[in-house]
Amino acid sequence: MVLRLEYVFPENLKKIKIGNHLRKIGKYAFQNCRFLEEIEFPSSLETIGDYAFEECSSLCVINIPRNVKKIGQHVFSSCEMLSEITCDSPDFMVENDALYDKKQKRLIVYFGTEQAFTVKKGTQIIDEDAFKNNVHITIVELPKSIKEVPYMLFCYCPNLKEVYVWN
């Protein structure tokens, strides 16, 4: 079963619990659910579509289940209250308050509150919204393995003062 619920949920939705039959959360499924604080993913989940939780500014904690193999673009963009991601999937990892895709050597999102952040060595791709709306970050270091600095990477990071791109 695939969940495709574009603009179906009320804006004041606070908690979602999904049964074990679901394999995919489609694009934009919970976008703009600004009061969503908690979501419980089923162990059967394999894919989280693009923009699925974009602008869920009250979402605090996420657990990526073991069977998740794909996380789309902009999934956690503007999730300003996100403070913890745990990951049971062997395809992804959390390190220093950042979620990475191991196969693609990709930084998906930095959700930390530290002022300085160094992207993990070997990372080649950074999602466009990886730092969006992070008010804490002041210094970012990008490793020489980065292939490109994406469009609007530091959008709405008002306290960012320094970015180092090593070559």
Foldseek 3Di string as FASTA:
>chain_A
DEADAAPPDDLQDAEEEDDQPYAEYEANRQANSCNHAYYHDHLNYAEYYHRPHANVQNHAEEEAHQNHDYYYARPCFNNQNHAYYHYNHPQWDDDQQWIAGNVQLETRARRDQAQEEERDPPRAYYGQRRQAQRQRHAEYEYEQNHPDNDDNNNHNNVRHHYYHYDD
